[in-house]
């Protein structure tokens, strides 16, 4: 029963992060923010059915994009929503889920790759405006952030990519 509860919890988080609908209303967007109020997530969680791995992707120079692209199509065909927890990367597979942490304030967000970019030299990842706001990246515009890929193994579901 405990493993079923964990699986439902993980699927719920993925659903909230992965399937957002473009909207101009900030209140209706889903915002997953992890701060020091919450217990840290262990680097590995497993049981007989489910394994969650956190693969260190290192530190990346992150920027953000928002208003100019809001409502336009992303590279994977979705409509870009600057208020959703998403990101753009040049080569990561669409649907990849990342935990991004600002080492200056230990704030973290979970985002899903749904677009390509950034196209400015020296930058490796572009965050949605909402993700950048939660990480306190808006003012500086570009910041070095810790990137971890969340890999979920043991789910037989065609909507979830299992690496």
Protein backbone atom coordinates (compact mmCIF):
# COMPACT_ATOMS: atom_id res chain seq x y z
CA UNK A 1 0.00 0.00 0.00
CA UNK A 2 2.90 2.34 0.82
CA UNK A 3 4.43 1.83 -2.64
CA UNK A 4 1.08 2.54 -4.30
CA UNK A 5 0.84 5.81 -2.35
CA UNK A 6 4.35 6.83 -3.49
CA UNK A 7 3.53 6.00 -7.10
CA UNK A 8 0.33 8.06 -6.99
CA UNK A 9 2.22 10.98 -5.40
CA UNK A 10 4.96 10.90 -8.06
CA UNK A 11 2.44 10.65 -10.89
CA UNK A 12 0.52 13.59 -9.43
CA UNK A 13 3.64 15.77 -9.33
CA UNK A 14 4.56 14.81 -12.88
CA UNK A 15 1.01 15.55 -14.01
CA UNK A 16 1.05 18.95 -12.36
CA UNK A 17 4.43 19.87 -13.83
CA UNK A 18 3.95 18.24 -17.21
CA UNK A 19 0.48 19.11 -18.37
CA UNK A 20 -0.13 22.82 -18.01
CA UNK A 21 -2.47 24.84 -20.17
CA UNK A 22 -1.47 28.25 -21.44
CA UNK A 23 -3.18 31.02 -19.56
CA UNK A 24 -2.60 34.64 -18.78
CA UNK A 25 -3.83 34.28 -15.21
CA UNK A 26 -1.01 33.83 -12.73
CA UNK A 27 -3.37 32.33 -10.13
CA UNK A 28 -4.27 29.38 -12.33
CA UNK A 29 -0.68 28.28 -13.01
CA UNK A 30 0.89 25.52 -11.00
CA UNK A 31 3.89 26.51 -8.93
CA UNK A 32 6.03 23.81 -7.34
CA UNK A 33 8.66 25.44 -5.17
CA UNK A 34 10.91 23.68 -2.72
CA UNK A 35 12.42 25.85 -0.02
CA UNK A 36 14.16 25.13 3.25
CA UNK A 37 10.72 24.82 4.90
CA UNK A 38 10.49 21.34 3.41
CA UNK A 39 12.63 18.35 4.29
CA UNK A 40 15.27 17.77 1.62
CA UNK A 41 14.47 15.14 -0.98
CA UNK A 42 16.84 12.17 -0.70
CA UNK A 43 19.07 11.46 -3.67
CA UNK A 44 17.50 8.04 -4.17
CA UNK A 45 14.10 6.64 -3.24
CA UNK A 46 13.07 3.12 -4.05
CA UNK A 47 10.78 0.21 -3.32
CA UNK A 48 9.75 -2.90 -5.24
CA UNK A 49 7.81 -1.01 -7.91
CA UNK A 50 9.31 2.44 -8.20
CA UNK A 51 12.76 4.01 -8.24
CA UNK A 52 13.41 7.74 -8.37
CA UNK A 53 16.94 8.80 -9.27
CA UNK A 54 18.44 12.28 -9.22
CA UNK A 55 21.16 12.51 -11.87
CA UNK A 56 23.54 15.41 -11.33
CA UNK A 57 23.76 17.45 -14.55
CA UNK A 58 26.18 19.94 -13.01
CA UNK A 59 25.94 23.71 -12.97
CA UNK A 60 24.49 25.61 -15.91
CA UNK A 61 24.23 29.27 -16.79
CA UNK A 62 20.51 29.90 -16.79
CA UNK A 63 18.51 32.75 -18.23
CA UNK A 64 14.76 33.22 -18.54
CA UNK A 65 12.21 34.09 -21.19
CA UNK A 66 8.65 35.24 -20.89
CA UNK A 67 6.37 37.98 -22.20
CA UNK A 68 7.59 38.12 -25.80
CA UNK A 69 7.04 34.36 -26.26
CA UNK A 70 3.91 33.92 -24.10
CA UNK A 71 1.12 32.31 -26.15
CA UNK A 72 3.42 31.24 -29.00
CA UNK A 73 4.22 27.66 -29.94
CA UNK A 74 7.19 25.93 -28.31
CA UNK A 75 9.47 23.56 -30.18
CA UNK A 76 7.45 20.54 -29.01
CA UNK A 77 4.16 22.05 -30.25
CA UNK A 78 2.75 23.27 -26.93
CA UNK A 79 1.69 26.85 -26.39
CA UNK A 80 4.29 28.59 -24.24
CA UNK A 81 3.00 29.70 -20.85
CA UNK A 82 5.39 31.99 -19.00
CA UNK A 83 3.54 31.15 -15.76
CA UNK A 84 4.15 27.39 -16.03
CA UNK A 85 7.17 25.54 -14.63
CA UNK A 86 8.94 24.75 -17.89
CA UNK A 87 12.34 25.26 -19.47
CA UNK A 88 14.17 25.22 -22.80
CA UNK A 89 17.36 23.30 -23.52
CA UNK A 90 19.18 22.72 -26.81
CA UNK A 91 19.48 18.93 -26.58
CA UNK A 92 17.60 17.46 -23.61
CA UNK A 93 14.68 15.25 -24.58
CA UNK A 94 11.24 16.88 -24.45
CA UNK A 95 9.49 15.85 -21.25
CA UNK A 96 12.70 15.63 -19.23
CA UNK A 97 12.00 16.64 -15.65
CA UNK A 98 14.63 18.67 -13.82
CA UNK A 99 15.10 19.90 -10.28
CA UNK A 100 16.84 23.28 -10.52
CA UNK A 101 18.39 24.84 -7.42
CA UNK A 102 19.76 28.32 -6.85
CA UNK A 103 22.83 27.66 -4.64
CA UNK A 104 22.71 31.25 -3.30
CA UNK A 105 19.35 30.83 -1.55
CA UNK A 106 18.72 27.03 -1.76
CA UNK A 107 15.38 27.58 -3.51
CA UNK A 108 14.45 24.80 -5.94
CA UNK A 109 11.83 24.26 -8.60
CA UNK A 110 10.83 21.29 -10.71
CA UNK A 111 10.50 22.05 -14.42
CA UNK A 112 9.80 20.12 -17.60
CA UNK A 113 11.71 20.61 -20.86
CA UNK A 114 9.27 21.63 -23.59
CA UNK A 115 11.27 23.99 -25.81
CA UNK A 116 14.66 24.52 -27.48
CA UNK A 117 17.14 27.21 -26.56
CA UNK A 118 18.74 29.37 -25.32
CA UNK A 119 20.36 30.75 -28.43
CA UNK A 120 22.66 33.26 -26.74
CA UNK A 121 26.28 32.08 -26.39
CA UNK A 122 27.31 31.06 -22.87
CA UNK A 123 23.83 30.10 -21.70
CA UNK A 124 22.79 26.47 -21.33
CA UNK A 125 19.16 26.60 -20.14
CA UNK A 126 16.24 29.03 -20.41
CA UNK A 127 13.66 29.05 -17.62
CA UNK A 128 10.07 30.15 -17.86
CA UNK A 129 9.37 33.47 -16.15
CA UNK A 130 7.58 31.70 -13.26
CA UNK A 131 10.52 29.36 -12.59
CA UNK A 132 12.97 32.28 -12.75
CA UNK A 133 10.86 34.30 -10.30
CA UNK A 134 10.77 31.46 -7.76
CA UNK A 135 14.55 31.04 -8.00
CA UNK A 136 15.22 34.82 -7.77
CA UNK A 137 16.81 34.96 -11.25
CA UNK A 138 14.61 37.71 -12.74
CA UNK A 139 16.63 40.71 -11.54
CA UNK A 140 20.06 39.39 -12.56
CA UNK A 141 18.75 37.78 -15.76
CA UNK A 142 21.48 35.12 -15.84
CA UNK A 143 22.64 32.93 -12.96
CA UNK A 144 24.59 29.72 -12.41
CA UNK A 145 22.16 27.09 -11.11
CA UNK A 146 22.49 23.47 -10.01
CA UNK A 147 20.68 21.06 -12.38
CA UNK A 148 19.50 17.56 -11.50
CA UNK A 149 17.54 15.29 -13.82
CA UNK A 150 14.73 13.37 -12.14
CA UNK A 151 14.56 9.83 -13.51
CA UNK A 152 11.60 7.63 -12.59
CA UNK A 153 11.94 3.90 -13.19
CA UNK A 154 9.30 1.28 -12.69
CA UNK A 155 6.24 3.01 -14.16
CA UNK A 156 4.51 1.35 -17.09
CA UNK A 157 2.80 4.41 -18.54
CA UNK A 158 3.08 5.62 -22.16
CA UNK A 159 2.81 9.28 -21.08
CA UNK A 160 5.90 9.11 -18.89
CA UNK A 161 9.32 8.68 -20.45
CA UNK A 162 11.42 6.06 -18.67
CA UNK A 163 15.13 6.42 -19.37
